[in-house]
């Protein structure tokens, strides 16, 4: 019964900040690569960021490294995404994803809505 539960989404004004959390249970969190994805309404899902098992390796998609920071706390089995200087185009459902080194198994959370609007 692997489970990923996202939290921290909500409504924020442009220029504001949010920190998303993803709490993992039911599997060996520290053996998995973790990712954040997002999917705006009516658009394709895209990679936001990726982090290695120990947190040393990090990768960001779509030039987001300047505003977004991915991190993890393996003692708490929790993945984070710090989002700063938010823009309306950041509005999307944000998903937490766990993947093994061989590509399987793979687990997904239910997503959390982030809305950036004046």
C-alpha atoms as a PDB file:
ATOM      1  CA  UNK A   1       0.000   0.000   0.000  1.00  0.00           C
ATOM      2  CA  UNK A   2       2.470   2.677  -1.110  1.00  0.00           C
ATOM      3  CA  UNK A   3       1.024   6.123  -0.639  1.00  0.00           C
ATOM      4  CA  UNK A   4       2.009   9.691  -1.519  1.00  0.00           C
ATOM      5  CA  UNK A   5      -0.031  12.571  -0.126  1.00  0.00           C
ATOM      6  CA  UNK A   6       0.559  16.126  -1.331  1.00  0.00           C
ATOM      7  CA  UNK A   7      -0.340  19.190   0.694  1.00  0.00           C
ATOM      8  CA  UNK A   8       0.339  22.915   0.770  1.00  0.00           C
ATOM      9  CA  UNK A   9      -1.468  24.028  -2.344  1.00  0.00           C
ATOM     10  CA  UNK A  10      -3.939  26.864  -2.438  1.00  0.00           C
ATOM     11  CA  UNK A  11      -4.655  30.334  -3.756  1.00  0.00           C
ATOM     12  CA  UNK A  12      -1.851  32.892  -3.757  1.00  0.00           C
ATOM     13  CA  UNK A  13      -1.297  36.333  -5.291  1.00  0.00           C
ATOM     14  CA  UNK A  14       1.324  36.888  -7.989  1.00  0.00           C
ATOM     15  CA  UNK A  15       4.740  37.285  -6.408  1.00  0.00           C
ATOM     16  CA  UNK A  16       3.810  35.161  -3.432  1.00  0.00           C
ATOM     17  CA  UNK A  17       5.282  31.895  -2.205  1.00  0.00           C
ATOM     18  CA  UNK A  18       4.092  28.419  -1.310  1.00  0.00           C
ATOM     19  CA  UNK A  19       5.772  25.294  -0.011  1.00  0.00           C
ATOM     20  CA  UNK A  20       4.340  21.984  -1.136  1.00  0.00           C
ATOM     21  CA  UNK A  21       4.889  18.808   0.844  1.00  0.00           C
ATOM     22  CA  UNK A  22       4.576  15.171  -0.148  1.00  0.00           C
ATOM     23  CA  UNK A  23       4.417  12.634   2.665  1.00  0.00           C
ATOM     24  CA  UNK A  24       5.352   9.087   1.687  1.00  0.00           C
ATOM     25  CA  UNK A  25       4.450   5.832   3.382  1.00  0.00           C
ATOM     26  CA  UNK A  26       4.341   2.127   2.621  1.00  0.00           C
ATOM     27  CA  UNK A  27       7.679   1.915   0.804  1.00  0.00           C
ATOM     28  CA  UNK A  28      11.379   2.620   1.298  1.00  0.00           C
ATOM     29  CA  UNK A  29      11.374   6.336   0.608  1.00  0.00           C
ATOM     30  CA  UNK A  30      15.150   6.723   0.751  1.00  0.00           C
ATOM     31  CA  UNK A  31      15.621   4.217  -2.080  1.00  0.00           C
ATOM     32  CA  UNK A  32      13.518   6.194  -4.557  1.00  0.00           C
ATOM     33  CA  UNK A  33      14.164   9.091  -6.859  1.00  0.00           C
ATOM     34  CA  UNK A  34      11.497  11.724  -6.294  1.00  0.00           C
ATOM     35  CA  UNK A  35       9.915  14.127  -8.762  1.00  0.00           C
ATOM     36  CA  UNK A  36       7.419  16.950  -8.890  1.00  0.00           C
ATOM     37  CA  UNK A  37       5.207  17.277 -11.952  1.00  0.00           C
ATOM     38  CA  UNK A  38       2.523  19.805 -12.754  1.00  0.00           C
ATOM     39  CA  UNK A  39      -0.373  19.928 -15.172  1.00  0.00           C
ATOM     40  CA  UNK A  40      -2.145  23.177 -16.018  1.00  0.00           C
ATOM     41  CA  UNK A  41      -5.778  22.948 -17.030  1.00  0.00           C
ATOM     42  CA  UNK A  42      -6.036  21.761 -20.620  1.00  0.00           C
ATOM     43  CA  UNK A  43      -2.274  21.313 -21.041  1.00  0.00           C
ATOM     44  CA  UNK A  44       0.201  18.456 -20.883  1.00  0.00           C
ATOM     45  CA  UNK A  45       1.849  17.307 -17.689  1.00  0.00           C
ATOM     46  CA  UNK A  46       5.398  18.595 -17.327  1.00  0.00           C
ATOM     47  CA  UNK A  47       8.359  17.861 -15.094  1.00  0.00           C
ATOM     48  CA  UNK A  48       9.018  20.534 -12.490  1.00  0.00           C
ATOM     49  CA  UNK A  49      11.972  19.052 -10.627  1.00  0.00           C
ATOM     50  CA  UNK A  50      13.769  15.828  -9.740  1.00  0.00           C
ATOM     51  CA  UNK A  51      15.882  14.905  -6.735  1.00  0.00           C
ATOM     52  CA  UNK A  52      18.136  11.911  -6.128  1.00  0.00           C
ATOM     53  CA  UNK A  53      17.934   9.521  -3.221  1.00  0.00           C
ATOM     54  CA  UNK A  54      20.228  11.459  -0.899  1.00  0.00           C
ATOM     55  CA  UNK A  55      19.233  14.929  -2.075  1.00  0.00           C
ATOM     56  CA  UNK A  56      22.637  15.708  -3.581  1.00  0.00           C
ATOM     57  CA  UNK A  57      21.545  15.548  -7.219  1.00  0.00           C
ATOM     58  CA  UNK A  58      18.813  17.942  -8.350  1.00  0.00           C
ATOM     59  CA  UNK A  59      17.408  18.722 -11.762  1.00  0.00           C
ATOM     60  CA  UNK A  60      14.858  21.325 -12.832  1.00  0.00           C
ATOM     61  CA  UNK A  61      12.703  21.486 -15.917  1.00  0.00           C
ATOM     62  CA  UNK A  62      11.781  24.508 -18.004  1.00  0.00           C
ATOM     63  CA  UNK A  63      14.299  26.860 -16.397  1.00  0.00           C
ATOM     64  CA  UNK A  64      12.518  26.818 -13.042  1.00  0.00           C
ATOM     65  CA  UNK A  65      15.638  26.567 -10.868  1.00  0.00           C
ATOM     66  CA  UNK A  66      15.652  30.291 -10.197  1.00  0.00           C
ATOM     67  CA  UNK A  67      12.254  30.313  -8.476  1.00  0.00           C
ATOM     68  CA  UNK A  68      11.635  26.720  -7.368  1.00  0.00           C
ATOM     69  CA  UNK A  69      13.673  24.524  -5.031  1.00  0.00           C
ATOM     70  CA  UNK A  70      13.175  20.791  -4.556  1.00  0.00           C
ATOM     71  CA  UNK A  71      14.344  19.122  -1.344  1.00  0.00           C
ATOM     72  CA  UNK A  72      13.725  16.023   0.728  1.00  0.00           C
ATOM     73  CA  UNK A  73      13.995  14.898   4.326  1.00  0.00           C
ATOM     74  CA  UNK A  74      14.569  11.163   4.442  1.00  0.00           C
ATOM     75  CA  UNK A  75      14.149  11.092   8.220  1.00  0.00           C
ATOM     76  CA  UNK A  76      10.570  12.280   7.727  1.00  0.00           C
ATOM     77  CA  UNK A  77       9.839  10.478   4.436  1.00  0.00           C
ATOM     78  CA  UNK A  78       8.845  13.824   2.983  1.00  0.00           C
ATOM     79  CA  UNK A  79       9.486  15.616  -0.298  1.00  0.00           C
ATOM     80  CA  UNK A  80       9.203  19.404  -0.593  1.00  0.00           C
ATOM     81  CA  UNK A  81       8.860  22.019  -3.291  1.00  0.00           C
ATOM     82  CA  UNK A  82       9.520  25.632  -2.333  1.00  0.00           C
ATOM     83  CA  UNK A  83       7.920  27.954  -4.876  1.00  0.00           C
ATOM     84  CA  UNK A  84       8.789  31.659  -4.856  1.00  0.00           C
ATOM     85  CA  UNK A  85       7.815  34.628  -7.003  1.00  0.00           C
ATOM     86  CA  UNK A  86       4.784  32.768  -8.257  1.00  0.00           C
ATOM     87  CA  UNK A  87       3.172  33.769 -11.530  1.00  0.00           C
ATOM     88  CA  UNK A  88      -0.281  33.088 -13.000  1.00  0.00           C
ATOM     89  CA  UNK A  89       1.314  30.613 -15.429  1.00  0.00           C
ATOM     90  CA  UNK A  90       2.347  28.505 -12.428  1.00  0.00           C
ATOM     91  CA  UNK A  91      -1.319  27.660 -11.871  1.00  0.00           C
ATOM     92  CA  UNK A  92      -1.649  23.888 -12.130  1.00  0.00           C
ATOM     93  CA  UNK A  93      -2.240  20.670 -10.271  1.00  0.00           C
ATOM     94  CA  UNK A  94       1.074  19.617  -8.764  1.00  0.00           C
ATOM     95  CA  UNK A  95       1.837  15.903  -8.418  1.00  0.00           C
ATOM     96  CA  UNK A  96       4.388  14.023  -6.349  1.00  0.00           C
ATOM     97  CA  UNK A  97       6.043  11.026  -8.016  1.00  0.00           C
ATOM     98  CA  UNK A  98       8.338   8.276  -6.701  1.00  0.00           C
ATOM     99  CA  UNK A  99      10.303   6.022  -9.051  1.00  0.00           C
ATOM    100  CA  UNK A 100      12.768   3.199  -8.515  1.00  0.00           C
ATOM    101  CA  UNK A 101      16.198   3.198 -10.124  1.00  0.00           C
ATOM    102  CA  UNK A 102      15.062   0.774 -12.837  1.00  0.00           C
ATOM    103  CA  UNK A 103      12.014   2.885 -13.636  1.00  0.00           C
ATOM    104  CA  UNK A 104       9.742   0.590 -11.631  1.00  0.00           C
ATOM    105  CA  UNK A 105       7.954   0.580  -9.346  1.00  0.00           C
ATOM    106  CA  UNK A 106       6.449   4.013  -9.751  1.00  0.00           C
ATOM    107  CA  UNK A 107       3.972   5.739  -7.438  1.00  0.00           C
ATOM    108  CA  UNK A 108       1.865   8.880  -7.803  1.00  0.00           C
ATOM    109  CA  UNK A 109       0.047  11.164  -5.425  1.00  0.00           C
ATOM    110  CA  UNK A 110      -3.423  12.562  -6.011  1.00  0.00           C
ATOM    111  CA  UNK A 111      -2.183  16.091  -6.632  1.00  0.00           C
ATOM    112  CA  UNK A 112      -2.678  19.469  -5.013  1.00  0.00           C
ATOM    113  CA  UNK A 113      -4.092  22.550  -6.727  1.00  0.00           C
ATOM    114  CA  UNK A 114      -1.984  25.699  -6.926  1.00  0.00           C
ATOM    115  CA  UNK A 115      -3.757  28.813  -8.172  1.00  0.00           C
ATOM    116  CA  UNK A 116      -1.937  32.107  -8.690  1.00  0.00           C
ATOM    117  CA  UNK A 117      -4.355  34.967  -9.237  1.00  0.00           C
ATOM    118  CA  UNK A 118      -4.806  38.605  -8.240  1.00  0.00           C
END
